[in-house]
N, C-alpha and C. Protein backbone atom coordinates (compact mmCIF):
# COMPACT_ATOMS: atom_id res chain seq x y z
N UNK A 1 105.13 77.90 130.51
CA UNK A 1 104.10 77.69 131.50
C UNK A 1 102.76 77.56 130.76
N UNK A 2 101.91 76.70 131.20
CA UNK A 2 100.63 76.48 130.54
C UNK A 2 99.68 77.62 130.85
N UNK A 3 98.63 77.72 130.05
CA UNK A 3 97.63 78.78 130.20
C UNK A 3 97.03 78.74 131.60
N UNK A 4 96.84 77.60 132.20
CA UNK A 4 96.25 77.51 133.50
C UNK A 4 97.24 77.58 134.67
N UNK A 5 98.56 77.61 134.37
CA UNK A 5 99.55 77.64 135.42
C UNK A 5 99.57 78.98 136.15
N UNK A 6 100.01 78.96 137.40
CA UNK A 6 100.08 80.17 138.18
C UNK A 6 101.41 80.89 137.93
N UNK A 7 101.31 82.14 137.61
CA UNK A 7 102.49 82.97 137.45
C UNK A 7 102.66 83.80 138.73
N UNK A 8 103.89 84.19 139.03
CA UNK A 8 104.11 84.96 140.27
C UNK A 8 103.40 86.32 140.22
N UNK A 9 102.99 86.80 141.40
CA UNK A 9 102.32 88.09 141.46
C UNK A 9 103.31 89.25 141.34
N UNK A 10 104.53 89.06 141.83
CA UNK A 10 105.56 90.11 141.82
C UNK A 10 105.05 91.41 142.45
N UNK A 11 104.48 91.26 143.63
CA UNK A 11 103.91 92.40 144.36
C UNK A 11 102.42 92.21 144.53
N UNK A 12 101.84 92.89 145.48
CA UNK A 12 100.43 92.72 145.77
C UNK A 12 99.54 92.96 144.56
N UNK A 13 99.87 93.97 143.75
CA UNK A 13 99.09 94.27 142.55
C UNK A 13 99.92 94.13 141.29
N UNK A 14 101.08 93.48 141.38
CA UNK A 14 101.90 93.25 140.20
C UNK A 14 102.92 94.33 139.92
N UNK A 15 103.35 95.03 140.97
CA UNK A 15 104.30 96.12 140.79
C UNK A 15 105.60 95.68 140.12
N UNK A 16 106.04 94.49 140.42
CA UNK A 16 107.27 93.97 139.82
C UNK A 16 107.14 93.78 138.32
N UNK A 17 105.96 93.35 137.86
CA UNK A 17 105.73 93.20 136.43
C UNK A 17 105.90 94.55 135.73
N UNK A 18 105.36 95.60 136.33
CA UNK A 18 105.44 96.93 135.74
C UNK A 18 106.89 97.41 135.72
N UNK A 19 107.62 97.18 136.80
CA UNK A 19 109.02 97.61 136.86
C UNK A 19 109.87 96.92 135.80
N UNK A 20 109.69 95.63 135.63
CA UNK A 20 110.48 94.90 134.61
C UNK A 20 110.09 95.38 133.22
N UNK A 21 108.80 95.57 132.97
CA UNK A 21 108.38 96.07 131.66
C UNK A 21 108.96 97.45 131.38
N UNK A 22 108.97 98.31 132.39
CA UNK A 22 109.54 99.65 132.22
C UNK A 22 111.03 99.57 131.87
N UNK A 23 111.74 98.69 132.55
CA UNK A 23 113.17 98.53 132.24
C UNK A 23 113.40 98.04 130.81
N UNK A 24 112.55 97.11 130.37
CA UNK A 24 112.66 96.63 128.98
C UNK A 24 112.36 97.76 127.99
N UNK A 25 111.34 98.56 128.27
CA UNK A 25 111.03 99.68 127.37
C UNK A 25 112.17 100.68 127.32
N UNK A 26 112.76 101.00 128.47
CA UNK A 26 113.90 101.93 128.50
C UNK A 26 115.07 101.34 127.71
N UNK A 27 115.32 100.05 127.87
CA UNK A 27 116.42 99.41 127.12
C UNK A 27 116.16 99.51 125.62
N UNK A 28 114.91 99.31 125.21
CA UNK A 28 114.57 99.40 123.78
C UNK A 28 114.81 100.81 123.29
N UNK A 29 114.36 101.81 124.03
CA UNK A 29 114.55 103.19 123.61
C UNK A 29 116.04 103.56 123.55
N UNK A 30 116.79 103.12 124.56
CA UNK A 30 118.23 103.44 124.59
C UNK A 30 119.04 102.66 123.55
N UNK A 31 118.51 101.52 123.10
CA UNK A 31 119.25 100.71 122.12
C UNK A 31 119.47 101.46 120.81
N UNK A 32 118.68 102.51 120.59
CA UNK A 32 118.87 103.34 119.38
C UNK A 32 120.24 104.01 119.39
N UNK A 33 120.80 104.24 120.56
CA UNK A 33 122.09 104.88 120.67
C UNK A 33 123.27 103.93 120.51
N UNK A 34 123.00 102.65 120.33
CA UNK A 34 124.09 101.68 120.21
C UNK A 34 124.77 101.68 118.87
N UNK A 35 124.19 102.36 117.89
CA UNK A 35 124.80 102.47 116.58
C UNK A 35 124.61 101.26 115.68
N UNK A 36 123.61 100.42 115.97
CA UNK A 36 123.34 99.27 115.14
C UNK A 36 122.13 99.52 114.26
N UNK A 37 122.19 100.55 113.44
CA UNK A 37 121.10 100.90 112.54
C UNK A 37 121.15 100.07 111.27
N UNK A 38 120.36 100.50 110.30
CA UNK A 38 120.27 99.82 109.02
C UNK A 38 121.15 100.49 107.99
N UNK A 39 121.72 99.73 107.06
CA UNK A 39 122.54 100.35 106.01
C UNK A 39 121.66 101.21 105.08
N UNK A 40 122.24 102.18 104.44
CA UNK A 40 121.68 103.18 103.55
C UNK A 40 120.26 102.95 103.01
N UNK A 41 120.12 102.08 102.01
CA UNK A 41 118.83 101.92 101.33
C UNK A 41 117.74 101.38 102.28
N UNK A 42 118.13 100.55 103.22
CA UNK A 42 117.16 100.00 104.15
C UNK A 42 116.69 101.03 105.18
N UNK A 43 117.52 102.04 105.44
CA UNK A 43 117.20 103.01 106.46
C UNK A 43 115.92 103.77 106.15
N UNK A 44 115.75 104.20 104.90
CA UNK A 44 114.55 104.96 104.53
C UNK A 44 113.29 104.12 104.71
N UNK A 45 113.32 102.89 104.24
CA UNK A 45 112.18 101.98 104.41
C UNK A 45 111.93 101.72 105.89
N UNK A 46 112.99 101.55 106.66
CA UNK A 46 112.86 101.31 108.10
C UNK A 46 112.19 102.50 108.80
N UNK A 47 112.57 103.70 108.43
CA UNK A 47 111.95 104.88 109.03
C UNK A 47 110.45 104.92 108.71
N UNK A 48 110.08 104.63 107.48
CA UNK A 48 108.68 104.68 107.08
C UNK A 48 107.86 103.61 107.80
N UNK A 49 108.34 102.37 107.77
CA UNK A 49 107.61 101.26 108.42
C UNK A 49 107.55 101.53 109.93
N UNK A 50 108.67 101.94 110.50
CA UNK A 50 108.72 102.21 111.93
C UNK A 50 107.74 103.31 112.34
N UNK A 51 107.67 104.37 111.54
CA UNK A 51 106.75 105.47 111.85
C UNK A 51 105.30 105.00 111.84
N UNK A 52 104.94 104.20 110.85
CA UNK A 52 103.56 103.70 110.76
C UNK A 52 103.24 102.84 111.98
N UNK A 53 104.15 101.97 112.37
CA UNK A 53 103.92 101.10 113.54
C UNK A 53 103.83 101.92 114.83
N UNK A 54 104.66 102.95 114.96
CA UNK A 54 104.61 103.78 116.15
C UNK A 54 103.28 104.54 116.23
N UNK A 55 102.79 105.04 115.10
CA UNK A 55 101.50 105.74 115.10
C UNK A 55 100.38 104.76 115.45
N UNK A 56 100.37 103.60 114.81
CA UNK A 56 99.33 102.59 115.12
C UNK A 56 99.38 102.17 116.60
N UNK A 57 100.58 101.97 117.10
CA UNK A 57 100.73 101.61 118.51
C UNK A 57 100.22 102.71 119.42
N UNK A 58 100.53 103.95 119.10
CA UNK A 58 100.05 105.07 119.90
C UNK A 58 98.52 105.16 119.89
N UNK A 59 97.93 104.96 118.71
CA UNK A 59 96.47 105.00 118.60
C UNK A 59 95.82 103.89 119.43
N UNK A 60 96.41 102.71 119.40
CA UNK A 60 95.88 101.59 120.19
C UNK A 60 96.02 101.85 121.69
N UNK A 61 97.13 102.44 122.09
CA UNK A 61 97.32 102.80 123.50
C UNK A 61 96.28 103.83 123.94
N UNK A 62 96.06 104.86 123.15
CA UNK A 62 95.08 105.90 123.50
C UNK A 62 93.67 105.33 123.51
N UNK A 63 93.32 104.56 122.49
CA UNK A 63 91.96 103.97 122.45
C UNK A 63 91.71 103.09 123.65
N UNK A 64 92.68 102.29 124.03
CA UNK A 64 92.53 101.43 125.22
C UNK A 64 92.41 102.23 126.48
N UNK A 65 93.24 103.25 126.64
CA UNK A 65 93.20 104.07 127.84
C UNK A 65 91.90 104.83 127.97
N UNK A 66 91.42 105.39 126.86
CA UNK A 66 90.16 106.11 126.90
C UNK A 66 89.00 105.20 127.24
N UNK A 67 89.00 103.98 126.69
CA UNK A 67 87.89 103.06 126.94
C UNK A 67 87.90 102.59 128.42
N UNK A 68 89.08 102.43 128.98
CA UNK A 68 89.15 102.03 130.39
C UNK A 68 88.71 103.14 131.34
N UNK A 69 88.98 104.37 130.99
CA UNK A 69 88.59 105.49 131.83
C UNK A 69 89.14 105.37 133.24
N UNK A 70 88.25 105.44 134.23
CA UNK A 70 88.65 105.40 135.64
C UNK A 70 89.22 104.04 136.05
N UNK A 71 89.00 103.02 135.24
CA UNK A 71 89.56 101.69 135.54
C UNK A 71 91.04 101.55 135.16
N UNK A 72 91.55 102.56 134.44
CA UNK A 72 92.93 102.50 133.97
C UNK A 72 93.90 102.51 135.15
N UNK A 73 94.83 101.59 135.12
CA UNK A 73 95.88 101.50 136.12
C UNK A 73 97.13 100.94 135.45
N UNK A 74 98.31 101.39 135.88
CA UNK A 74 99.53 100.80 135.29
C UNK A 74 99.81 99.39 135.78
N UNK A 75 99.10 98.98 136.84
CA UNK A 75 99.34 97.68 137.46
C UNK A 75 98.47 96.60 136.81
N UNK A 76 98.96 95.38 136.73
CA UNK A 76 98.16 94.33 136.10
C UNK A 76 96.96 93.85 136.91
N UNK A 77 96.99 94.02 138.23
CA UNK A 77 95.83 93.63 139.03
C UNK A 77 94.75 94.69 138.85
N UNK A 78 93.52 94.26 138.57
CA UNK A 78 92.45 95.25 138.32
C UNK A 78 92.11 96.06 139.59
N UNK A 79 91.63 97.28 139.37
CA UNK A 79 91.21 98.14 140.48
C UNK A 79 89.98 97.54 141.16
N UNK A 80 89.89 97.71 142.46
CA UNK A 80 88.72 97.28 143.23
C UNK A 80 87.50 98.07 142.78
N UNK A 81 86.37 97.40 142.76
CA UNK A 81 85.11 98.08 142.50
C UNK A 81 84.86 98.50 141.07
N UNK A 82 85.65 98.04 140.15
CA UNK A 82 85.48 98.40 138.73
C UNK A 82 84.99 97.18 137.96
N UNK A 83 84.16 97.44 136.98
CA UNK A 83 83.65 96.38 136.14
C UNK A 83 84.64 95.96 135.08
N UNK A 84 84.30 94.91 134.38
CA UNK A 84 85.12 94.39 133.30
C UNK A 84 84.80 95.14 132.02
N UNK A 85 85.78 95.72 131.37
CA UNK A 85 85.60 96.44 130.11
C UNK A 85 85.66 95.46 128.94
N UNK A 86 84.59 95.36 128.19
CA UNK A 86 84.52 94.37 127.10
C UNK A 86 84.06 95.00 125.79
N UNK A 87 83.90 96.32 125.74
CA UNK A 87 83.41 96.96 124.52
C UNK A 87 84.49 97.84 123.91
N UNK A 88 84.16 98.41 122.76
CA UNK A 88 85.13 99.23 122.04
C UNK A 88 86.31 98.38 121.62
N UNK A 89 87.49 98.91 121.76
CA UNK A 89 88.69 98.17 121.36
C UNK A 89 88.86 96.89 122.19
N UNK A 90 88.27 96.88 123.42
CA UNK A 90 88.35 95.68 124.24
C UNK A 90 87.42 94.57 123.75
N UNK A 91 86.55 94.88 122.82
CA UNK A 91 85.74 93.85 122.17
C UNK A 91 86.51 93.18 121.03
N UNK A 92 87.66 93.76 120.66
CA UNK A 92 88.48 93.24 119.58
C UNK A 92 89.77 92.58 120.06
N UNK A 93 90.26 93.01 121.21
CA UNK A 93 91.48 92.43 121.80
C UNK A 93 91.40 92.62 123.31
N UNK A 94 91.86 91.62 124.06
CA UNK A 94 91.74 91.67 125.52
C UNK A 94 92.72 92.63 126.17
N UNK A 95 93.87 92.86 125.55
CA UNK A 95 94.89 93.74 126.13
C UNK A 95 95.42 94.70 125.06
N UNK A 96 94.57 95.56 124.52
CA UNK A 96 95.00 96.43 123.43
C UNK A 96 96.10 97.42 123.81
N UNK A 97 96.15 97.81 125.07
CA UNK A 97 97.21 98.74 125.45
C UNK A 97 98.57 98.05 125.43
N UNK A 98 98.62 96.80 125.82
CA UNK A 98 99.87 96.03 125.68
C UNK A 98 100.22 95.93 124.21
N UNK A 99 99.23 95.64 123.37
CA UNK A 99 99.45 95.58 121.94
C UNK A 99 99.99 96.88 121.39
N UNK A 100 99.43 98.00 121.86
CA UNK A 100 99.92 99.30 121.42
C UNK A 100 101.37 99.52 121.82
N UNK A 101 101.72 99.14 123.02
CA UNK A 101 103.10 99.26 123.47
C UNK A 101 104.03 98.40 122.66
N UNK A 102 103.59 97.18 122.31
CA UNK A 102 104.42 96.30 121.50
C UNK A 102 104.60 96.85 120.09
N UNK A 103 103.53 97.37 119.49
CA UNK A 103 103.64 97.98 118.16
C UNK A 103 104.58 99.17 118.18
N UNK A 104 104.45 100.00 119.23
CA UNK A 104 105.35 101.16 119.33
C UNK A 104 106.80 100.71 119.46
N UNK A 105 107.05 99.73 120.32
CA UNK A 105 108.43 99.24 120.51
C UNK A 105 108.97 98.64 119.23
N UNK A 106 108.14 97.90 118.50
CA UNK A 106 108.57 97.33 117.23
C UNK A 106 108.89 98.43 116.23
N UNK A 107 108.00 99.41 116.14
CA UNK A 107 108.24 100.53 115.21
C UNK A 107 109.51 101.29 115.57
N UNK A 108 109.71 101.56 116.85
CA UNK A 108 110.92 102.26 117.30
C UNK A 108 112.16 101.46 116.92
N UNK A 109 112.09 100.17 117.18
CA UNK A 109 113.25 99.31 116.91
C UNK A 109 113.56 99.25 115.43
N UNK A 110 112.53 99.15 114.62
CA UNK A 110 112.74 99.12 113.16
C UNK A 110 113.32 100.44 112.69
N UNK A 111 112.75 101.56 113.15
CA UNK A 111 113.19 102.87 112.69
C UNK A 111 114.55 103.30 113.22
N UNK A 112 114.80 103.06 114.49
CA UNK A 112 115.96 103.68 115.12
C UNK A 112 116.98 102.73 115.74
N UNK A 113 116.58 101.53 116.13
CA UNK A 113 117.47 100.71 116.95
C UNK A 113 118.04 99.49 116.24
N UNK A 114 117.51 99.13 115.08
CA UNK A 114 118.06 98.02 114.32
C UNK A 114 117.95 96.68 115.03
N UNK A 115 118.86 95.77 114.72
CA UNK A 115 118.76 94.42 115.24
C UNK A 115 118.77 94.32 116.77
N UNK A 116 119.53 95.18 117.44
CA UNK A 116 119.55 95.12 118.91
C UNK A 116 118.18 95.46 119.46
N UNK A 117 117.56 96.50 118.94
CA UNK A 117 116.23 96.87 119.39
C UNK A 117 115.21 95.78 119.09
N UNK A 118 115.32 95.15 117.92
CA UNK A 118 114.40 94.07 117.58
C UNK A 118 114.56 92.88 118.51
N UNK A 119 115.80 92.57 118.90
CA UNK A 119 116.01 91.47 119.84
C UNK A 119 115.38 91.82 121.21
N UNK A 120 115.55 93.04 121.66
CA UNK A 120 114.94 93.45 122.92
C UNK A 120 113.42 93.49 122.83
N UNK A 121 112.91 93.85 121.66
CA UNK A 121 111.46 93.85 121.48
C UNK A 121 110.91 92.43 121.54
N UNK A 122 111.64 91.49 121.02
CA UNK A 122 111.22 90.08 121.12
C UNK A 122 111.17 89.65 122.58
N UNK A 123 112.14 90.06 123.37
CA UNK A 123 112.11 89.77 124.81
C UNK A 123 110.88 90.42 125.44
N UNK A 124 110.55 91.66 125.02
CA UNK A 124 109.39 92.34 125.53
C UNK A 124 108.12 91.60 125.18
N UNK A 125 108.01 91.08 123.97
CA UNK A 125 106.83 90.32 123.56
C UNK A 125 106.62 89.12 124.48
N UNK A 126 107.69 88.36 124.73
CA UNK A 126 107.58 87.19 125.61
C UNK A 126 107.18 87.64 127.01
N UNK A 127 107.80 88.71 127.50
CA UNK A 127 107.48 89.19 128.84
C UNK A 127 106.01 89.63 128.94
N UNK A 128 105.54 90.40 127.97
CA UNK A 128 104.16 90.91 128.01
C UNK A 128 103.17 89.74 127.86
N UNK A 129 103.54 88.74 127.11
CA UNK A 129 102.68 87.54 127.03
C UNK A 129 102.50 86.94 128.42
N UNK A 130 103.58 86.80 129.15
CA UNK A 130 103.49 86.25 130.53
C UNK A 130 102.74 87.20 131.44
N UNK A 131 103.04 88.49 131.36
CA UNK A 131 102.36 89.47 132.20
C UNK A 131 100.85 89.46 131.96
N UNK A 132 100.44 89.36 130.70
CA UNK A 132 99.00 89.34 130.39
C UNK A 132 98.34 88.09 130.92
N UNK A 133 99.06 86.97 130.94
CA UNK A 133 98.51 85.75 131.53
C UNK A 133 98.30 85.92 133.02
N UNK A 134 99.27 86.57 133.67
CA UNK A 134 99.11 86.84 135.10
C UNK A 134 97.91 87.75 135.34
N UNK A 135 97.78 88.79 134.52
CA UNK A 135 96.66 89.71 134.64
C UNK A 135 95.34 89.00 134.44
N UNK A 136 95.30 88.08 133.48
CA UNK A 136 94.06 87.33 133.21
C UNK A 136 93.70 86.44 134.38
N UNK A 137 94.70 85.94 135.12
CA UNK A 137 94.38 85.16 136.31
C UNK A 137 93.67 86.04 137.34
N UNK A 138 94.18 87.26 137.54
CA UNK A 138 93.51 88.19 138.45
C UNK A 138 92.11 88.55 137.96
N UNK A 139 91.98 88.82 136.66
CA UNK A 139 90.68 89.18 136.11
C UNK A 139 89.66 88.05 136.28
N UNK A 140 90.10 86.82 136.05
CA UNK A 140 89.19 85.67 136.19
C UNK A 140 88.74 85.50 137.64
N UNK A 141 89.65 85.77 138.57
CA UNK A 141 89.29 85.69 140.00
C UNK A 141 88.28 86.76 140.38
N UNK A 142 88.39 87.92 139.79
CA UNK A 142 87.57 89.06 140.18
C UNK A 142 86.25 89.13 139.41
N UNK A 143 86.24 88.69 138.16
CA UNK A 143 85.06 88.84 137.29
C UNK A 143 84.58 87.48 136.81
N UNK A 144 83.42 87.02 137.29
CA UNK A 144 82.91 85.70 136.91
C UNK A 144 82.68 85.56 135.40
N UNK A 145 82.44 86.64 134.69
CA UNK A 145 82.19 86.57 133.23
C UNK A 145 83.46 86.61 132.40
N UNK A 146 84.65 86.59 133.05
CA UNK A 146 85.87 86.73 132.28
C UNK A 146 86.11 85.56 131.32
N UNK A 147 85.79 84.36 131.74
CA UNK A 147 86.01 83.19 130.86
C UNK A 147 85.19 83.31 129.57
N UNK A 148 83.94 83.79 129.68
CA UNK A 148 83.12 83.99 128.50
C UNK A 148 83.70 85.09 127.60
N UNK A 149 84.11 86.19 128.22
CA UNK A 149 84.73 87.28 127.47
C UNK A 149 85.97 86.81 126.73
N UNK A 150 86.78 86.02 127.40
CA UNK A 150 88.00 85.49 126.81
C UNK A 150 87.69 84.59 125.63
N UNK A 151 86.64 83.78 125.72
CA UNK A 151 86.25 82.93 124.58
C UNK A 151 85.75 83.75 123.40
N UNK A 152 85.02 84.83 123.68
CA UNK A 152 84.48 85.68 122.64
C UNK A 152 85.55 86.55 121.98
N UNK A 153 86.52 86.95 122.76
CA UNK A 153 87.56 87.88 122.29
C UNK A 153 88.87 87.12 122.16
N UNK A 154 89.06 86.57 120.98
CA UNK A 154 90.17 85.62 120.76
C UNK A 154 91.55 86.31 120.70
N UNK A 155 91.57 87.52 120.22
CA UNK A 155 92.88 88.21 120.08
C UNK A 155 93.31 88.76 121.42
N UNK A 156 94.58 88.58 121.71
CA UNK A 156 95.09 89.02 123.02
C UNK A 156 95.53 90.48 122.97
N UNK A 157 96.27 90.91 121.96
CA UNK A 157 96.90 92.23 121.98
C UNK A 157 96.48 93.18 120.85
N UNK A 158 96.45 92.67 119.62
CA UNK A 158 96.24 93.55 118.47
C UNK A 158 95.01 93.07 117.74
N UNK A 159 93.96 93.92 117.64
CA UNK A 159 92.72 93.52 116.97
C UNK A 159 93.01 92.92 115.59
N UNK A 160 92.33 91.81 115.32
CA UNK A 160 92.40 91.08 114.04
C UNK A 160 93.75 90.43 113.74
N UNK A 161 94.73 90.61 114.62
CA UNK A 161 96.09 90.12 114.32
C UNK A 161 96.59 89.14 115.37
N UNK A 162 96.73 89.60 116.63
CA UNK A 162 97.41 88.81 117.67
C UNK A 162 96.77 89.06 119.00
């Protein structure tokens, strides 16, 4: 779907988007029990890389949540009566909490879930990309300055990266 195309709302405030994302996250976490880990020598490196990514993802989640404050909501549709957050970590990426969740899922998959977890994380990346586009449609409708913010803040999820 193109950047300007309409994505489904999946509920008045996007409840369906949250439910599907939660199911994907649970599947990623549970994939660790499938027994598709890494062979011996790779396991140690996978634990180290995975741990770093999980810590970075957690920090990005916390930084985004703290910056949003009372505007924080699990739903993609913005809260009524709240301004657009464009400073702090939101000055570096438009959806840093999504980026934090993706980094955490990637780290978990690398450390504990192996190829199955990585495949599910790839599905999560595609899903979150679509969810963020839907959220941006709502933000643009609600905040006249969103187009300018989007032009200034080129990274979607992870500051300086993606």
